[in-house]
């Protein structure tokens, strides 16, 4: 029985807690959150011990695994502290807000011989599975486009609308890049543009925006050219989830809950996509199974760190308005040292 602690009391934390209650392989024993009254109510609901801070939680006398599912800015510090106190770690993406911190976390997990799992449930999802299933039928991938738009009005100043807490849009929404990296491999060049609507510095010292629009062009080592667009907030008026891939012998389009495949032998084949429900529970069960039996996980922390490097290159490109060439796109375990500028050099 794996004894588990949760850091966070939001939507994802509730999903994790329910999964643990239904699992024979793990048990929730402790929880820490941002608000004490919310933490107490959460703990009472799931039969866990509440802690006022995550630092206090790490002193729990009987703890095997810490699941980190709160604001993105604290993912790195909590993961480092949990590993230093000899606990296995699961963290929702991103692993950290910058690749140097992510590399340090991964190195510590390796040195300690502890499990470090970065959740990427989109790899288990029906859209990604359909892409993998039909990829060979369209021949050599030439062009891809991944669009995610989510309207919200009004967009209140919550942590998901703060660059300081959420991170750069394609860092905080890392799964958009990770899905492409998982399918098509290494990236050679990144060019990105980003727009924050109504960006303001608040009395708290943190900045918040009411909308963002971020788009990046990725050139893969395979030759694939891909565009990733992530937009949310008050200037977004139509909700869209769209992934399309053009190949030498056909095209795949996944939009909403339906997919389409166009090839010479199948001019317009429509296929339904399954439900996304239960993916966090599946991820939780796979982690527990890995710790109990040693069965491999579906995603490696090294790949998530590599995707974070690509997202960070997009952030730097948006800041400099120049394309970024990655130094060694084929080495996903490349050591990361800030002073050495490991992601690449700026190209004019």
C-alpha atoms as a PDB file:
ATOM      1  CA  UNK A   1       0.000   0.000   0.000  1.00  0.00           C
ATOM      2  CA  UNK A   2       1.604   3.244  -1.217  1.00  0.00           C
ATOM      3  CA  UNK A   3       1.002   6.089   1.251  1.00  0.00           C
ATOM      4  CA  UNK A   4       0.341   9.293  -0.690  1.00  0.00           C
ATOM      5  CA  UNK A   5       0.275  13.013   0.096  1.00  0.00           C
ATOM      6  CA  UNK A   6      -1.314  15.688  -2.081  1.00  0.00           C
ATOM      7  CA  UNK A   7      -0.060  19.250  -2.449  1.00  0.00           C
ATOM      8  CA  UNK A   8      -3.053  21.181  -3.740  1.00  0.00           C
ATOM      9  CA  UNK A   9      -6.817  21.150  -3.197  1.00  0.00           C
ATOM     10  CA  UNK A  10      -8.149  22.163  -6.625  1.00  0.00           C
ATOM     11  CA  UNK A  11      -9.895  20.222  -9.387  1.00  0.00           C
ATOM     12  CA  UNK A  12      -6.947  17.948 -10.188  1.00  0.00           C
ATOM     13  CA  UNK A  13      -6.344  17.213  -6.508  1.00  0.00           C
ATOM     14  CA  UNK A  14      -9.968  16.068  -6.126  1.00  0.00           C
ATOM     15  CA  UNK A  15      -9.560  13.775  -9.142  1.00  0.00           C
ATOM     16  CA  UNK A  16      -6.389  12.310  -7.645  1.00  0.00           C
ATOM     17  CA  UNK A  17      -8.021  11.834  -4.248  1.00  0.00           C
ATOM     18  CA  UNK A  18     -11.006  10.000  -5.756  1.00  0.00           C
ATOM     19  CA  UNK A  19      -8.665   7.768  -7.732  1.00  0.00           C
ATOM     20  CA  UNK A  20      -6.732   6.900  -4.569  1.00  0.00           C
ATOM     21  CA  UNK A  21      -9.930   6.087  -2.695  1.00  0.00           C
ATOM     22  CA  UNK A  22     -10.850   3.611  -5.447  1.00  0.00           C
ATOM     23  CA  UNK A  23      -7.395   2.045  -5.731  1.00  0.00           C
ATOM     24  CA  UNK A  24      -6.192  -1.035  -3.843  1.00  0.00           C
ATOM     25  CA  UNK A  25      -2.582   0.017  -4.357  1.00  0.00           C
ATOM     26  CA  UNK A  26      -2.505   3.403  -2.653  1.00  0.00           C
ATOM     27  CA  UNK A  27      -4.006   5.459   0.141  1.00  0.00           C
ATOM     28  CA  UNK A  28      -4.217   9.218   0.665  1.00  0.00           C
ATOM     29  CA  UNK A  29      -2.800  10.053   4.094  1.00  0.00           C
ATOM     30  CA  UNK A  30      -2.043  13.792   3.999  1.00  0.00           C
ATOM     31  CA  UNK A  31      -2.884  17.005   2.148  1.00  0.00           C
ATOM     32  CA  UNK A  32      -1.684  20.614   2.132  1.00  0.00           C
ATOM     33  CA  UNK A  33      -3.212  23.548   0.285  1.00  0.00           C
ATOM     34  CA  UNK A  34      -3.154  27.326  -0.039  1.00  0.00           C
ATOM     35  CA  UNK A  35      -6.179  28.036   2.160  1.00  0.00           C
ATOM     36  CA  UNK A  36      -6.358  26.382   5.595  1.00  0.00           C
ATOM     37  CA  UNK A  37     -10.138  26.058   5.788  1.00  0.00           C
ATOM     38  CA  UNK A  38     -10.267  24.553   2.286  1.00  0.00           C
ATOM     39  CA  UNK A  39      -7.475  22.159   3.192  1.00  0.00           C
ATOM     40  CA  UNK A  40      -9.323  21.000   6.306  1.00  0.00           C
ATOM     41  CA  UNK A  41     -12.536  20.427   4.362  1.00  0.00           C
ATOM     42  CA  UNK A  42     -10.649  18.535   1.638  1.00  0.00           C
ATOM     43  CA  UNK A  43      -8.895  16.337   4.197  1.00  0.00           C
ATOM     44  CA  UNK A  44     -12.158  15.562   5.980  1.00  0.00           C
ATOM     45  CA  UNK A  45     -13.803  14.544   2.698  1.00  0.00           C
ATOM     46  CA  UNK A  46     -11.100  12.015   1.840  1.00  0.00           C
ATOM     47  CA  UNK A  47     -10.017  10.861   5.290  1.00  0.00           C
ATOM     48  CA  UNK A  48      -6.570  12.460   5.217  1.00  0.00           C
ATOM     49  CA  UNK A  49      -4.530  14.502   7.677  1.00  0.00           C
ATOM     50  CA  UNK A  50      -4.453  18.254   6.844  1.00  0.00           C
ATOM     51  CA  UNK A  51      -1.237  20.286   7.007  1.00  0.00           C
ATOM     52  CA  UNK A  52      -1.057  24.097   6.925  1.00  0.00           C
ATOM     53  CA  UNK A  53       1.878  24.168   4.458  1.00  0.00           C
ATOM     54  CA  UNK A  54       3.529  21.762   2.072  1.00  0.00           C
ATOM     55  CA  UNK A  55       6.766  22.131   4.057  1.00  0.00           C
ATOM     56  CA  UNK A  56       4.963  20.745   7.126  1.00  0.00           C
ATOM     57  CA  UNK A  57       3.439  17.958   5.040  1.00  0.00           C
ATOM     58  CA  UNK A  58       6.869  16.618   4.074  1.00  0.00           C
ATOM     59  CA  UNK A  59       7.483  15.823   7.763  1.00  0.00           C
ATOM     60  CA  UNK A  60       4.654  13.269   7.815  1.00  0.00           C
ATOM     61  CA  UNK A  61       6.185  10.172   9.487  1.00  0.00           C
ATOM     62  CA  UNK A  62       4.821   7.590   7.021  1.00  0.00           C
ATOM     63  CA  UNK A  63       4.863   8.842   3.457  1.00  0.00           C
ATOM     64  CA  UNK A  64       5.960   7.221   0.187  1.00  0.00           C
ATOM     65  CA  UNK A  65       4.716   9.439  -2.617  1.00  0.00           C
ATOM     66  CA  UNK A  66       4.012  13.176  -2.994  1.00  0.00           C
ATOM     67  CA  UNK A  67       1.691  14.299  -5.789  1.00  0.00           C
ATOM     68  CA  UNK A  68       2.196  17.958  -6.692  1.00  0.00           C
ATOM     69  CA  UNK A  69      -0.930  19.529  -8.211  1.00  0.00           C
ATOM     70  CA  UNK A  70      -1.075  23.203  -7.307  1.00  0.00           C
ATOM     71  CA  UNK A  71       0.168  26.417  -8.955  1.00  0.00           C
ATOM     72  CA  UNK A  72       2.842  25.928 -11.637  1.00  0.00           C
ATOM     73  CA  UNK A  73       5.377  28.282 -10.056  1.00  0.00           C
ATOM     74  CA  UNK A  74       5.664  26.010  -7.009  1.00  0.00           C
ATOM     75  CA  UNK A  75       6.023  22.716  -8.881  1.00  0.00           C
ATOM     76  CA  UNK A  76       9.808  22.908  -8.908  1.00  0.00           C
ATOM     77  CA  UNK A  77      10.386  23.895  -5.262  1.00  0.00           C
ATOM     78  CA  UNK A  78       7.969  21.268  -3.933  1.00  0.00           C
ATOM     79  CA  UNK A  79       9.376  18.514  -6.168  1.00  0.00           C
ATOM     80  CA  UNK A  80      12.952  19.296  -5.059  1.00  0.00           C
ATOM     81  CA  UNK A  81      12.001  19.335  -1.377  1.00  0.00           C
ATOM     82  CA  UNK A  82      10.025  16.094  -1.658  1.00  0.00           C
ATOM     83  CA  UNK A  83      12.913  14.308  -3.354  1.00  0.00           C
ATOM     84  CA  UNK A  84      15.377  15.655  -0.795  1.00  0.00           C
ATOM     85  CA  UNK A  85      13.228  14.094   1.943  1.00  0.00           C
ATOM     86  CA  UNK A  86      13.339  10.767   0.038  1.00  0.00           C
ATOM     87  CA  UNK A  87       9.799  10.703  -1.352  1.00  0.00           C
ATOM     88  CA  UNK A  88       8.762   9.593  -4.820  1.00  0.00           C
ATOM     89  CA  UNK A  89       7.198  12.462  -6.793  1.00  0.00           C
ATOM     90  CA  UNK A  90       4.384  12.895  -9.287  1.00  0.00           C
ATOM     91  CA  UNK A  91       4.000  16.423 -10.641  1.00  0.00           C
ATOM     92  CA  UNK A  92       1.458  17.841 -13.066  1.00  0.00           C
ATOM     93  CA  UNK A  93       3.105  19.486 -16.065  1.00  0.00           C
ATOM     94  CA  UNK A  94       5.196  21.565 -16.231  1.00  0.00           C
ATOM     95  CA  UNK A  95       7.925  20.033 -14.101  1.00  0.00           C
ATOM     96  CA  UNK A  96       9.214  23.576 -13.471  1.00  0.00           C
ATOM     97  CA  UNK A  97       8.928  26.983 -15.127  1.00  0.00           C
ATOM     98  CA  UNK A  98      12.444  26.850 -16.564  1.00  0.00           C
ATOM     99  CA  UNK A  99      14.585  23.970 -17.874  1.00  0.00           C
ATOM    100  CA  UNK A 100      17.494  24.608 -15.496  1.00  0.00           C
ATOM    101  CA  UNK A 101      15.248  23.906 -12.508  1.00  0.00           C
ATOM    102  CA  UNK A 102      13.706  20.945 -14.322  1.00  0.00           C
ATOM    103  CA  UNK A 103      17.135  19.459 -15.029  1.00  0.00           C
ATOM    104  CA  UNK A 104      18.116  19.854 -11.368  1.00  0.00           C
ATOM    105  CA  UNK A 105      14.975  18.009 -10.261  1.00  0.00           C
ATOM    106  CA  UNK A 106      15.592  15.174 -12.701  1.00  0.00           C
ATOM    107  CA  UNK A 107      19.244  14.879 -11.638  1.00  0.00           C
ATOM    108  CA  UNK A 108      18.235  14.694  -7.982  1.00  0.00           C
ATOM    109  CA  UNK A 109      15.665  11.971  -8.664  1.00  0.00           C
ATOM    110  CA  UNK A 110      18.281   9.937 -10.534  1.00  0.00           C
ATOM    111  CA  UNK A 111      20.862  10.392  -7.763  1.00  0.00           C
ATOM    112  CA  UNK A 112      18.341   9.320  -5.115  1.00  0.00           C
ATOM    113  CA  UNK A 113      16.970   6.434  -7.171  1.00  0.00           C
ATOM    114  CA  UNK A 114      13.438   7.814  -6.749  1.00  0.00           C
ATOM    115  CA  UNK A 115      10.509   7.886  -9.139  1.00  0.00           C
ATOM    116  CA  UNK A 116       9.844  11.221 -10.846  1.00  0.00           C
ATOM    117  CA  UNK A 117       6.745  11.171 -13.027  1.00  0.00           C
ATOM    118  CA  UNK A 118       5.440  14.210 -14.927  1.00  0.00           C
ATOM    119  CA  UNK A 119       1.755  13.787 -15.731  1.00  0.00           C
ATOM    120  CA  UNK A 120       0.940  14.033 -19.446  1.00  0.00           C
ATOM    121  CA  UNK A 121      -2.467  12.399 -19.690  1.00  0.00           C
ATOM    122  CA  UNK A 122      -3.033  13.801 -23.187  1.00  0.00           C
ATOM    123  CA  UNK A 123      -0.787  10.946 -24.371  1.00  0.00           C
ATOM    124  CA  UNK A 124      -3.408   8.535 -23.010  1.00  0.00           C
ATOM    125  CA  UNK A 125      -6.285  10.522 -24.512  1.00  0.00           C
ATOM    126  CA  UNK A 126      -8.406   9.460 -27.501  1.00  0.00           C
ATOM    127  CA  UNK A 127      -7.209  12.257 -29.798  1.00  0.00           C
ATOM    128  CA  UNK A 128      -3.539  11.366 -29.372  1.00  0.00           C
ATOM    129  CA  UNK A 129      -4.229   7.649 -29.631  1.00  0.00           C
ATOM    130  CA  UNK A 130      -6.133   8.228 -32.886  1.00  0.00           C
ATOM    131  CA  UNK A 131      -3.219  10.252 -34.249  1.00  0.00           C
ATOM    132  CA  UNK A 132      -0.846   7.383 -33.480  1.00  0.00           C
ATOM    133  CA  UNK A 133      -3.224   4.849 -35.020  1.00  0.00           C
ATOM    134  CA  UNK A 134      -3.588   6.600 -38.387  1.00  0.00           C
ATOM    135  CA  UNK A 135      -0.202   8.296 -38.668  1.00  0.00           C
ATOM    136  CA  UNK A 136       1.335   5.729 -41.021  1.00  0.00           C
ATOM    137  CA  UNK A 137      -1.576   6.021 -43.467  1.00  0.00           C
ATOM    138  CA  UNK A 138      -0.747   9.625 -44.415  1.00  0.00           C
ATOM    139  CA  UNK A 139       2.881   8.963 -45.348  1.00  0.00           C
ATOM    140  CA  UNK A 140       5.656  11.428 -44.501  1.00  0.00           C
ATOM    141  CA  UNK A 141       4.346  14.180 -42.186  1.00  0.00           C
ATOM    142  CA  UNK A 142       4.897  17.575 -43.794  1.00  0.00           C
ATOM    143  CA  UNK A 143       2.849  20.141 -41.868  1.00  0.00           C
ATOM    144  CA  UNK A 144       0.981  20.150 -38.561  1.00  0.00           C
ATOM    145  CA  UNK A 145      -1.220  22.653 -36.764  1.00  0.00           C
ATOM    146  CA  UNK A 146      -2.396  22.431 -33.156  1.00  0.00           C
ATOM    147  CA  UNK A 147      -4.939  25.025 -32.031  1.00  0.00           C
ATOM    148  CA  UNK A 148      -6.411  25.426 -28.541  1.00  0.00           C
ATOM    149  CA  UNK A 149      -8.690  28.383 -27.847  1.00  0.00           C
ATOM    150  CA  UNK A 150     -10.737  28.833 -24.692  1.00  0.00           C
ATOM    151  CA  UNK A 151     -12.942  31.898 -24.176  1.00  0.00           C
ATOM    152  CA  UNK A 152     -13.477  33.281 -20.691  1.00  0.00           C
ATOM    153  CA  UNK A 153     -15.376  36.437 -19.831  1.00  0.00           C
ATOM    154  CA  UNK A 154     -14.730  37.970 -17.465  1.00  0.00           C
ATOM    155  CA  UNK A 155     -11.239  36.567 -16.895  1.00  0.00           C
ATOM    156  CA  UNK A 156     -10.583  37.173 -13.207  1.00  0.00           C
ATOM    157  CA  UNK A 157      -7.012  37.610 -11.887  1.00  0.00           C
ATOM    158  CA  UNK A 158      -6.479  33.969 -10.896  1.00  0.00           C
ATOM    159  CA  UNK A 159      -3.126  32.202 -10.961  1.00  0.00           C
ATOM    160  CA  UNK A 160      -3.767  30.714 -14.422  1.00  0.00           C
ATOM    161  CA  UNK A 161      -3.817  34.280 -15.803  1.00  0.00           C
ATOM    162  CA  UNK A 162      -0.505  35.306 -14.226  1.00  0.00           C
ATOM    163  CA  UNK A 163       2.828  34.894 -16.063  1.00  0.00           C
ATOM    164  CA  UNK A 164       4.511  34.763 -12.646  1.00  0.00           C
ATOM    165  CA  UNK A 165       2.405  31.826 -11.416  1.00  0.00           C
ATOM    166  CA  UNK A 166       1.284  30.021 -14.588  1.00  0.00           C
ATOM    167  CA  UNK A 167       4.434  30.674 -16.580  1.00  0.00           C
ATOM    168  CA  UNK A 168       4.823  31.618 -20.231  1.00  0.00           C
ATOM    169  CA  UNK A 169       1.705  30.334 -22.065  1.00  0.00           C
ATOM    170  CA  UNK A 170       3.430  27.431 -23.852  1.00  0.00           C
ATOM    171  CA  UNK A 171       5.296  26.516 -20.651  1.00  0.00           C
ATOM    172  CA  UNK A 172       2.171  26.460 -18.503  1.00  0.00           C
ATOM    173  CA  UNK A 173       0.322  24.649 -21.317  1.00  0.00           C
ATOM    174  CA  UNK A 174       3.292  22.393 -22.041  1.00  0.00           C
ATOM    175  CA  UNK A 175       1.180  19.470 -23.253  1.00  0.00           C
ATOM    176  CA  UNK A 176       0.678  21.242 -26.612  1.00  0.00           C
ATOM    177  CA  UNK A 177       4.368  20.960 -27.395  1.00  0.00           C
ATOM    178  CA  UNK A 178       4.824  17.628 -25.634  1.00  0.00           C
ATOM    179  CA  UNK A 179       2.229  15.884 -27.817  1.00  0.00           C
ATOM    180  CA  UNK A 180       4.100  16.928 -30.951  1.00  0.00           C
ATOM    181  CA  UNK A 181       7.515  16.016 -29.533  1.00  0.00           C
ATOM    182  CA  UNK A 182       6.161  12.611 -28.482  1.00  0.00           C
ATOM    183  CA  UNK A 183       4.920  11.968 -32.021  1.00  0.00           C
ATOM    184  CA  UNK A 184       7.613  13.583 -34.176  1.00  0.00           C
ATOM    185  CA  UNK A 185      10.834  13.774 -32.149  1.00  0.00           C
ATOM    186  CA  UNK A 186      13.384  16.544 -31.842  1.00  0.00           C
ATOM    187  CA  UNK A 187      12.988  20.222 -32.714  1.00  0.00           C
ATOM    188  CA  UNK A 188      15.691  22.212 -34.485  1.00  0.00           C
ATOM    189  CA  UNK A 189      14.258  25.719 -34.655  1.00  0.00           C
ATOM    190  CA  UNK A 190      11.573  27.745 -32.873  1.00  0.00           C
ATOM    191  CA  UNK A 191       9.956  31.076 -33.722  1.00  0.00           C
ATOM    192  CA  UNK A 192       7.242  32.419 -31.417  1.00  0.00           C
ATOM    193  CA  UNK A 193       5.021  35.463 -30.925  1.00  0.00           C
ATOM    194  CA  UNK A 194       3.009  36.176 -27.792  1.00  0.00           C
ATOM    195  CA  UNK A 195       0.385  38.766 -26.877  1.00  0.00           C
ATOM    196  CA  UNK A 196      -0.946  39.562 -23.393  1.00  0.00           C
ATOM    197  CA  UNK A 197      -4.163  41.560 -23.263  1.00  0.00           C
ATOM    198  CA  UNK A 198      -4.506  44.054 -20.412  1.00  0.00           C
ATOM    199  CA  UNK A 199      -1.309  42.991 -18.636  1.00  0.00           C
ATOM    200  CA  UNK A 200      -1.155  44.741 -15.250  1.00  0.00           C
ATOM    201  CA  UNK A 201       1.034  44.763 -12.171  1.00  0.00           C
ATOM    202  CA  UNK A 202      -1.123  44.258  -9.058  1.00  0.00           C
ATOM    203  CA  UNK A 203      -0.516  45.394  -5.492  1.00  0.00           C
ATOM    204  CA  UNK A 204       0.641  41.869  -4.686  1.00  0.00           C
ATOM    205  CA  UNK A 205       3.663  42.437  -6.923  1.00  0.00           C
ATOM    206  CA  UNK A 206       2.413  39.872  -9.453  1.00  0.00           C
ATOM    207  CA  UNK A 207       1.330  40.550 -13.017  1.00  0.00           C
ATOM    208  CA  UNK A 208      -2.009  39.378 -14.430  1.00  0.00           C
ATOM    209  CA  UNK A 209      -3.636  39.536 -17.861  1.00  0.00           C
ATOM    210  CA  UNK A 210      -7.205  39.136 -19.088  1.00  0.00           C
ATOM    211  CA  UNK A 211      -6.248  37.164 -22.222  1.00  0.00           C
ATOM    212  CA  UNK A 212      -3.262  35.708 -24.011  1.00  0.00           C
ATOM    213  CA  UNK A 213      -2.551  34.631 -27.584  1.00  0.00           C
ATOM    214  CA  UNK A 214       0.628  32.649 -28.152  1.00  0.00           C
ATOM    215  CA  UNK A 215       1.665  31.039 -31.426  1.00  0.00           C
ATOM    216  CA  UNK A 216       4.904  29.214 -32.232  1.00  0.00           C
ATOM    217  CA  UNK A 217       6.366  27.707 -35.372  1.00  0.00           C
ATOM    218  CA  UNK A 218       8.457  24.582 -34.779  1.00  0.00           C
ATOM    219  CA  UNK A 219      10.829  23.053 -37.320  1.00  0.00           C
ATOM    220  CA  UNK A 220      11.459  19.397 -36.467  1.00  0.00           C
ATOM    221  CA  UNK A 221      14.599  17.455 -37.316  1.00  0.00           C
ATOM    222  CA  UNK A 222      12.417  15.183 -39.459  1.00  0.00           C
ATOM    223  CA  UNK A 223      11.506  18.154 -41.653  1.00  0.00           C
ATOM    224  CA  UNK A 224       8.009  18.572 -40.240  1.00  0.00           C
ATOM    225  CA  UNK A 225       6.850  22.169 -39.913  1.00  0.00           C
ATOM    226  CA  UNK A 226       4.315  22.629 -37.103  1.00  0.00           C
ATOM    227  CA  UNK A 227       2.381  25.561 -35.690  1.00  0.00           C
ATOM    228  CA  UNK A 228       1.116  25.607 -32.106  1.00  0.00           C
ATOM    229  CA  UNK A 229      -1.421  28.215 -30.996  1.00  0.00           C
ATOM    230  CA  UNK A 230      -2.715  28.617 -27.454  1.00  0.00           C
ATOM    231  CA  UNK A 231      -5.225  31.328 -26.603  1.00  0.00           C
ATOM    232  CA  UNK A 232      -7.532  31.978 -23.668  1.00  0.00           C
ATOM    233  CA  UNK A 233      -9.459  34.746 -21.977  1.00  0.00           C
ATOM    234  CA  UNK A 234     -11.534  37.791 -22.860  1.00  0.00           C
ATOM    235  CA  UNK A 235     -10.431  38.274 -26.483  1.00  0.00           C
ATOM    236  CA  UNK A 236     -11.167  34.651 -27.404  1.00  0.00           C
ATOM    237  CA  UNK A 237     -14.738  34.230 -28.648  1.00  0.00           C
ATOM    238  CA  UNK A 238     -14.926  30.686 -30.036  1.00  0.00           C
ATOM    239  CA  UNK A 239     -13.830  27.555 -28.183  1.00  0.00           C
ATOM    240  CA  UNK A 240     -11.685  25.332 -30.396  1.00  0.00           C
ATOM    241  CA  UNK A 241      -9.617  22.168 -30.019  1.00  0.00           C
ATOM    242  CA  UNK A 242      -8.141  21.306 -33.389  1.00  0.00           C
ATOM    243  CA  UNK A 243      -5.198  19.160 -34.475  1.00  0.00           C
ATOM    244  CA  UNK A 244      -4.469  18.653 -38.162  1.00  0.00           C
ATOM    245  CA  UNK A 245      -1.608  16.904 -39.889  1.00  0.00           C
ATOM    246  CA  UNK A 246      -0.811  16.987 -43.595  1.00  0.00           C
ATOM    247  CA  UNK A 247       1.283  14.155 -45.021  1.00  0.00           C
ATOM    248  CA  UNK A 248       2.613  13.059 -48.385  1.00  0.00           C
ATOM    249  CA  UNK A 249      -0.265  10.561 -48.817  1.00  0.00           C
ATOM    250  CA  UNK A 250      -3.116  11.996 -46.758  1.00  0.00           C
ATOM    251  CA  UNK A 251      -4.370  14.225 -43.978  1.00  0.00           C
ATOM    252  CA  UNK A 252      -5.646  13.754 -40.412  1.00  0.00           C
ATOM    253  CA  UNK A 253      -7.981  16.188 -38.700  1.00  0.00           C
ATOM    254  CA  UNK A 254      -8.995  15.836 -35.052  1.00  0.00           C
ATOM    255  CA  UNK A 255     -11.476  18.411 -33.830  1.00  0.00           C
ATOM    256  CA  UNK A 256     -13.544  18.243 -30.674  1.00  0.00           C
ATOM    257  CA  UNK A 257     -14.815  14.675 -30.278  1.00  0.00           C
ATOM    258  CA  UNK A 258     -14.447  13.607 -33.903  1.00  0.00           C
ATOM    259  CA  UNK A 259     -11.631  12.715 -36.265  1.00  0.00           C
ATOM    260  CA  UNK A 260     -11.308  12.597 -40.048  1.00  0.00           C
ATOM    261  CA  UNK A 261      -8.824  10.780 -42.273  1.00  0.00           C
ATOM    262  CA  UNK A 262      -8.403  11.677 -45.958  1.00  0.00           C
ATOM    263  CA  UNK A 263      -6.311   9.412 -48.214  1.00  0.00           C
ATOM    264  CA  UNK A 264      -6.549   8.307 -51.874  1.00  0.00           C
ATOM    265  CA  UNK A 265      -8.177   5.050 -50.768  1.00  0.00           C
ATOM    266  CA  UNK A 266     -10.438   6.709 -48.175  1.00  0.00           C
ATOM    267  CA  UNK A 267     -11.549  10.149 -49.457  1.00  0.00           C
ATOM    268  CA  UNK A 268     -13.229  11.097 -46.170  1.00  0.00           C
ATOM    269  CA  UNK A 269     -13.226   8.587 -43.338  1.00  0.00           C
ATOM    270  CA  UNK A 270     -14.879   9.870 -40.159  1.00  0.00           C
ATOM    271  CA  UNK A 271     -14.087   8.214 -36.838  1.00  0.00           C
ATOM    272  CA  UNK A 272     -15.412   9.038 -33.352  1.00  0.00           C
ATOM    273  CA  UNK A 273     -13.098   9.726 -30.438  1.00  0.00           C
ATOM    274  CA  UNK A 274     -13.602   8.187 -27.038  1.00  0.00           C
ATOM    275  CA  UNK A 275     -14.151  10.046 -23.797  1.00  0.00           C
ATOM    276  CA  UNK A 276     -11.365  11.825 -21.909  1.00  0.00           C
ATOM    277  CA  UNK A 277     -12.997  11.030 -18.593  1.00  0.00           C
ATOM    278  CA  UNK A 278     -10.977   8.990 -16.134  1.00  0.00           C
ATOM    279  CA  UNK A 279      -7.524   9.784 -17.523  1.00  0.00           C
ATOM    280  CA  UNK A 280      -6.182  11.232 -14.263  1.00  0.00           C
ATOM    281  CA  UNK A 281      -7.417   8.137 -12.435  1.00  0.00           C
ATOM    282  CA  UNK A 282      -5.648   5.972 -15.002  1.00  0.00           C
ATOM    283  CA  UNK A 283      -2.442   7.970 -14.595  1.00  0.00           C
ATOM    284  CA  UNK A 284      -2.681   7.575 -10.801  1.00  0.00           C
ATOM    285  CA  UNK A 285      -3.198   3.820 -11.054  1.00  0.00           C
ATOM    286  CA  UNK A 286      -0.265   3.445 -13.454  1.00  0.00           C
ATOM    287  CA  UNK A 287       2.040   5.296 -11.027  1.00  0.00           C
ATOM    288  CA  UNK A 288       0.957   3.082  -8.131  1.00  0.00           C
ATOM    289  CA  UNK A 289       1.453  -0.003 -10.284  1.00  0.00           C
ATOM    290  CA  UNK A 290       4.919   1.216 -11.258  1.00  0.00           C
ATOM    291  CA  UNK A 291       5.914   1.686  -7.619  1.00  0.00           C
ATOM    292  CA  UNK A 292       4.420  -1.628  -6.515  1.00  0.00           C
ATOM    293  CA  UNK A 293       5.496  -3.866  -9.425  1.00  0.00           C
ATOM    294  CA  UNK A 294       8.076  -1.954 -11.447  1.00  0.00           C
ATOM    295  CA  UNK A 295       5.964  -1.851 -14.622  1.00  0.00           C
ATOM    296  CA  UNK A 296       7.097   1.013 -16.884  1.00  0.00           C
ATOM    297  CA  UNK A 297       5.197   4.291 -17.077  1.00  0.00           C
ATOM    298  CA  UNK A 298       3.721   5.663 -20.300  1.00  0.00           C
ATOM    299  CA  UNK A 299       5.788   8.866 -20.226  1.00  0.00           C
ATOM    300  CA  UNK A 300       9.349   9.673 -19.239  1.00  0.00           C
ATOM    301  CA  UNK A 301      10.423  12.741 -17.271  1.00  0.00           C
ATOM    302  CA  UNK A 302      13.309  13.222 -19.725  1.00  0.00           C
ATOM    303  CA  UNK A 303      10.840  13.773 -22.572  1.00  0.00           C
ATOM    304  CA  UNK A 304       8.843  16.273 -20.533  1.00  0.00           C
ATOM    305  CA  UNK A 305      12.055  18.152 -19.711  1.00  0.00           C
ATOM    306  CA  UNK A 306      12.965  18.220 -23.401  1.00  0.00           C
ATOM    307  CA  UNK A 307       9.529  19.653 -24.220  1.00  0.00           C
ATOM    308  CA  UNK A 308      10.116  22.271 -21.520  1.00  0.00           C
ATOM    309  CA  UNK A 309      13.365  23.254 -23.270  1.00  0.00           C
ATOM    310  CA  UNK A 310      11.458  23.726 -26.511  1.00  0.00           C
ATOM    311  CA  UNK A 311       8.788  25.807 -24.727  1.00  0.00           C
ATOM    312  CA  UNK A 312      11.491  27.909 -23.094  1.00  0.00           C
ATOM    313  CA  UNK A 313      13.038  28.498 -26.512  1.00  0.00           C
ATOM    314  CA  UNK A 314       9.614  29.747 -27.630  1.00  0.00           C
ATOM    315  CA  UNK A 315       9.545  32.117 -24.651  1.00  0.00           C
ATOM    316  CA  UNK A 316      12.957  33.495 -25.537  1.00  0.00           C
ATOM    317  CA  UNK A 317      11.966  33.851 -29.166  1.00  0.00           C
ATOM    318  CA  UNK A 318       8.876  35.864 -28.222  1.00  0.00           C
ATOM    319  CA  UNK A 319      10.979  38.106 -25.976  1.00  0.00           C
ATOM    320  CA  UNK A 320      13.685  38.766 -28.597  1.00  0.00           C
ATOM    321  CA  UNK A 321      11.447  38.573 -31.696  1.00  0.00           C
ATOM    322  CA  UNK A 322      14.022  36.277 -33.227  1.00  0.00           C
ATOM    323  CA  UNK A 323      14.140  32.586 -34.081  1.00  0.00           C
ATOM    324  CA  UNK A 324      15.962  30.246 -31.706  1.00  0.00           C
ATOM    325  CA  UNK A 325      18.027  27.317 -32.937  1.00  0.00           C
ATOM    326  CA  UNK A 326      18.386  24.527 -30.407  1.00  0.00           C
ATOM    327  CA  UNK A 327      22.027  23.561 -29.896  1.00  0.00           C
ATOM    328  CA  UNK A 328      21.541  19.793 -29.806  1.00  0.00           C
ATOM    329  CA  UNK A 329      17.949  18.872 -30.709  1.00  0.00           C
ATOM    330  CA  UNK A 330      18.715  15.157 -30.683  1.00  0.00           C
ATOM    331  CA  UNK A 331      19.931  14.966 -27.088  1.00  0.00           C
ATOM    332  CA  UNK A 332      16.957  14.940 -24.745  1.00  0.00           C
ATOM    333  CA  UNK A 333      19.214  14.377 -21.726  1.00  0.00           C
ATOM    334  CA  UNK A 334      21.427  17.387 -22.482  1.00  0.00           C
ATOM    335  CA  UNK A 335      22.647  18.943 -19.194  1.00  0.00           C
ATOM    336  CA  UNK A 336      21.149  22.362 -18.616  1.00  0.00           C
ATOM    337  CA  UNK A 337      23.248  25.187 -17.131  1.00  0.00           C
ATOM    338  CA  UNK A 338      21.835  28.724 -17.334  1.00  0.00           C
ATOM    339  CA  UNK A 339      25.197  30.370 -17.756  1.00  0.00           C
ATOM    340  CA  UNK A 340      25.978  28.152 -20.740  1.00  0.00           C
ATOM    341  CA  UNK A 341      22.726  29.036 -22.572  1.00  0.00           C
ATOM    342  CA  UNK A 342      22.051  25.316 -23.273  1.00  0.00           C
ATOM    343  CA  UNK A 343      18.934  25.818 -25.373  1.00  0.00           C
ATOM    344  CA  UNK A 344      20.640  27.480 -28.246  1.00  0.00           C
ATOM    345  CA  UNK A 345      21.785  30.689 -29.805  1.00  0.00           C
ATOM    346  CA  UNK A 346      19.704  33.506 -31.197  1.00  0.00           C
ATOM    347  CA  UNK A 347      19.471  33.603 -34.995  1.00  0.00           C
ATOM    348  CA  UNK A 348      18.883  36.889 -36.795  1.00  0.00           C
END
